[in-house]
Amino acid sequence: PVDGKVQDRAAEGLLMTLIEEGPKALTEPKNYAVRANVMWAATQALNGLIGVGVPQDWATHMIGHEITALHGLDHAQTLAIVLPSLMNVQRKQKSAKIQQLGRRVFGLDGTEAQLIDKTIAATAGFFEQMGVPTRLSKYGIPETSINKLVDNLVAHGYTSLGEHKDITPEVARTILQGAF
């Protein structure tokens, strides 16, 4: 947390919109208003404004790109696989932000550990609700792929990922193992 209230609240509003509208998009695929809200949220999430002036962690994306390259999964699938495990592995480093997500976006409460666990579960649960599995094994990817994925991260120079540059190849391996 860096007191980026505008950026945080904008990002949280976008997430809340996606959580509200995403399931409707699946059950009402021809509902223009629902689709418009999803697309507008996606556009706002990707245009860079919510990240201006605040630390950003693109590790989930970089690890996900390697899954796409090796196994052909789309980007949404790889993010759904990596993010819950990354949050779990980085729970100490990301404690405050994970708790903020849980409280503000999912309306959760509890002790620090409970709130983190509930937030990770709610995040994975949303992806699953949207029909996007959160485990490598659900896509038929063998556990033996993890070494190649980590080797590819190293080969592409992604050896210190995250806003604190503390997601090393070994931490990435742990994240991928947790996603199996």
Protein backbone atom coordinates (compact mmCIF):
# COMPACT_ATOMS: atom_id res chain seq x y z
CA PRO A 1 0.00 0.00 0.00
CA VAL A 2 1.28 3.44 -0.97
CA ASP A 3 -1.81 5.54 -0.27
CA GLY A 4 -2.84 5.48 -3.92
CA LYS A 5 -6.48 5.87 -2.98
CA VAL A 6 -7.74 6.85 -6.42
CA GLN A 7 -5.87 4.05 -8.17
CA ASP A 8 -6.90 1.48 -5.55
CA ARG A 9 -10.56 2.44 -5.59
CA ALA A 10 -10.67 2.57 -9.39
CA ALA A 11 -9.12 -0.90 -9.60
CA GLU A 12 -11.46 -2.23 -6.93
CA GLY A 13 -14.47 -0.79 -8.75
CA LEU A 14 -13.39 -2.50 -11.94
CA LEU A 15 -12.99 -5.81 -10.13
CA MET A 16 -16.39 -5.45 -8.48
CA THR A 17 -17.95 -4.76 -11.87
CA LEU A 18 -16.33 -7.86 -13.37
CA ILE A 19 -17.46 -9.99 -10.42
CA GLU A 20 -21.01 -8.68 -10.81
CA GLU A 21 -21.24 -8.76 -14.60
CA GLY A 22 -19.00 -11.71 -15.48
CA PRO A 23 -21.44 -14.45 -14.50
CA LYS A 24 -24.25 -12.58 -16.26
CA ALA A 25 -22.16 -12.52 -19.44
CA LEU A 26 -22.09 -16.30 -19.33
CA THR A 27 -25.81 -16.74 -18.68
CA GLU A 28 -26.95 -13.84 -20.89
CA PRO A 29 -24.42 -13.80 -23.74
CA LYS A 30 -26.55 -11.51 -25.91
CA ASN A 31 -27.12 -8.92 -23.17
CA TYR A 32 -25.52 -5.83 -24.67
CA ALA A 33 -25.46 -3.85 -21.40
CA VAL A 34 -23.66 -6.66 -19.58
CA ARG A 35 -21.13 -7.08 -22.38
CA ALA A 36 -20.60 -3.32 -22.56
CA ASN A 37 -19.85 -3.16 -18.84
CA VAL A 38 -17.39 -6.05 -19.09
CA MET A 39 -15.63 -4.50 -22.07
CA TRP A 40 -15.52 -1.03 -20.49
CA ALA A 41 -14.06 -2.53 -17.30
CA ALA A 42 -11.46 -4.42 -19.35
CA THR A 43 -10.56 -1.29 -21.30
CA GLN A 44 -10.11 0.72 -18.11
CA ALA A 45 -8.07 -2.05 -16.48
CA LEU A 46 -5.70 -2.22 -19.44
CA ASN A 47 -5.22 1.44 -20.30
CA GLY A 48 -2.60 2.01 -17.60
CA LEU A 49 -4.39 4.65 -15.52
CA ILE A 50 -4.97 2.47 -12.45
CA GLY A 51 -1.25 1.71 -12.29
CA VAL A 52 0.09 5.25 -12.50
CA GLY A 53 2.13 6.12 -9.44
CA VAL A 54 1.68 2.81 -7.63
CA PRO A 55 3.88 -0.30 -7.53
CA GLN A 56 2.89 -2.94 -10.03
CA ASP A 57 3.46 -6.67 -10.02
CA TRP A 58 3.43 -8.28 -13.45
CA ALA A 59 4.80 -11.64 -12.27
CA THR A 60 1.48 -13.40 -12.81
CA HIS A 61 1.50 -12.26 -16.43
CA MET A 62 5.12 -13.19 -17.09
CA ILE A 63 4.73 -16.67 -15.61
CA GLY A 64 1.46 -16.98 -17.51
CA HIS A 65 3.13 -16.06 -20.81
CA GLU A 66 5.47 -19.02 -20.38
CA ILE A 67 2.49 -21.36 -19.85
CA THR A 68 0.91 -19.99 -23.03
CA ALA A 69 4.11 -20.42 -25.01
CA LEU A 70 4.66 -24.00 -23.85
CA HIS A 71 1.08 -25.26 -23.66
CA GLY A 72 -1.08 -22.90 -25.74
CA LEU A 73 -3.47 -21.81 -22.99
CA ASP A 74 -5.01 -18.38 -23.39
CA HIS A 75 -3.96 -15.49 -21.18
CA ALA A 76 -7.07 -15.57 -18.97
CA GLN A 77 -6.52 -19.26 -18.27
CA THR A 78 -2.90 -18.71 -17.27
CA LEU A 79 -3.76 -15.78 -15.00
CA ALA A 80 -6.41 -17.89 -13.27
CA ILE A 81 -3.84 -20.63 -12.72
CA VAL A 82 -1.01 -18.43 -11.46
CA LEU A 83 -2.69 -15.67 -9.42
CA PRO A 84 -4.18 -17.68 -6.53
CA SER A 85 -0.94 -19.60 -6.04
CA LEU A 86 1.17 -16.44 -6.31
CA MET A 87 -1.02 -14.77 -3.68
CA ASN A 88 -0.57 -17.78 -1.41
CA VAL A 89 3.20 -17.96 -1.85
CA GLN A 90 3.56 -14.17 -1.45
CA ARG A 91 0.99 -13.93 1.36
CA LYS A 92 3.48 -12.35 3.78
CA GLN A 93 4.86 -9.81 1.31
CA LYS A 94 1.39 -8.98 -0.06
CA SER A 95 -0.56 -9.32 3.18
CA ALA A 96 -1.95 -5.79 3.32
CA LYS A 97 -3.03 -5.72 -0.33
CA ILE A 98 -4.59 -9.19 -0.22
CA GLN A 99 -6.54 -8.22 2.89
CA GLN A 100 -7.61 -4.97 1.22
CA LEU A 101 -8.85 -6.95 -1.78
CA GLY A 102 -10.76 -9.31 0.48
CA ARG A 103 -12.40 -6.57 2.51
CA ARG A 104 -13.20 -4.06 -0.21
CA VAL A 105 -13.94 -6.24 -3.21
CA PHE A 106 -15.26 -9.47 -1.75
CA GLY A 107 -16.70 -8.07 1.52
CA LEU A 108 -14.77 -10.54 3.67
CA ASP A 109 -13.49 -10.29 7.23
CA GLY A 110 -11.53 -12.30 9.77
CA THR A 111 -8.08 -12.41 11.28
CA GLU A 112 -5.15 -11.63 9.00
CA ALA A 113 -4.56 -15.30 8.15
CA GLN A 114 -8.27 -16.02 7.74
CA LEU A 115 -8.81 -13.00 5.54
CA ILE A 116 -5.89 -13.92 3.30
CA ASP A 117 -7.12 -17.51 2.98
CA LYS A 118 -10.68 -16.37 2.26
CA THR A 119 -9.50 -13.83 -0.31
CA ILE A 120 -7.41 -16.36 -2.18
CA ALA A 121 -10.33 -18.80 -2.12
CA ALA A 122 -12.76 -16.10 -3.32
CA THR A 123 -10.42 -15.15 -6.16
CA ALA A 124 -10.03 -18.76 -7.29
CA GLY A 125 -13.75 -19.31 -6.77
CA PHE A 126 -14.59 -16.43 -9.09
CA PHE A 127 -12.35 -17.81 -11.82
CA GLU A 128 -13.91 -21.26 -11.41
CA GLN A 129 -17.41 -19.72 -11.47
CA MET A 130 -16.46 -18.17 -14.81
CA GLY A 131 -15.55 -21.62 -16.12
CA VAL A 132 -11.80 -21.02 -15.93
CA PRO A 133 -9.99 -23.76 -13.98
CA THR A 134 -7.25 -22.66 -11.60
CA ARG A 135 -5.02 -25.72 -11.67
CA LEU A 136 -2.40 -26.75 -14.22
CA SER A 137 -3.59 -30.35 -13.88
CA LYS A 138 -7.10 -29.38 -15.02
CA TYR A 139 -5.61 -28.51 -18.41
CA GLY A 140 -3.72 -31.79 -18.70
CA ILE A 141 -0.38 -30.12 -18.07
CA PRO A 142 2.03 -32.55 -16.43
CA GLU A 143 3.93 -31.58 -13.29
CA THR A 144 7.12 -32.30 -15.21
CA SER A 145 6.44 -29.11 -17.22
CA ILE A 146 7.27 -26.95 -14.22
CA ASN A 147 11.02 -27.26 -14.72
CA LYS A 148 10.74 -26.23 -18.38
CA LEU A 149 8.50 -23.28 -17.49
CA VAL A 150 11.04 -22.07 -14.93
CA ASP A 151 13.90 -22.62 -17.38
CA ASN A 152 12.01 -20.50 -19.92
CA LEU A 153 11.56 -17.69 -17.38
CA VAL A 154 15.32 -17.69 -16.84
CA ALA A 155 16.03 -17.85 -20.57
CA HIS A 156 13.84 -14.78 -21.10
CA GLY A 157 15.51 -12.87 -18.28
CA TYR A 158 12.59 -13.02 -15.85
CA THR A 159 14.64 -13.79 -12.77
CA SER A 160 13.47 -11.03 -10.40
CA LEU A 161 9.76 -10.47 -10.88
CA GLY A 162 7.20 -8.65 -8.78
CA GLU A 163 7.02 -5.17 -7.32
CA HIS A 164 9.78 -6.08 -4.86
CA LYS A 165 11.79 -8.07 -7.44
CA ASP A 166 11.64 -11.01 -5.03
CA ILE A 167 10.01 -13.60 -7.27
CA THR A 168 13.08 -15.53 -8.31
CA PRO A 169 13.05 -18.65 -10.47
CA GLU A 170 12.80 -20.76 -7.30
CA VAL A 171 9.85 -18.74 -6.03
CA ALA A 172 8.25 -19.08 -9.49
CA ARG A 173 8.79 -22.84 -9.21
CA THR A 174 7.00 -22.83 -5.84
CA ILE A 175 4.14 -20.81 -7.34
CA LEU A 176 3.80 -23.27 -10.22
CA GLN A 177 3.95 -26.25 -7.87
CA GLY A 178 1.21 -24.63 -5.80
CA ALA A 179 -0.86 -24.25 -8.96
CA PHE A 180 -0.62 -27.92 -9.80
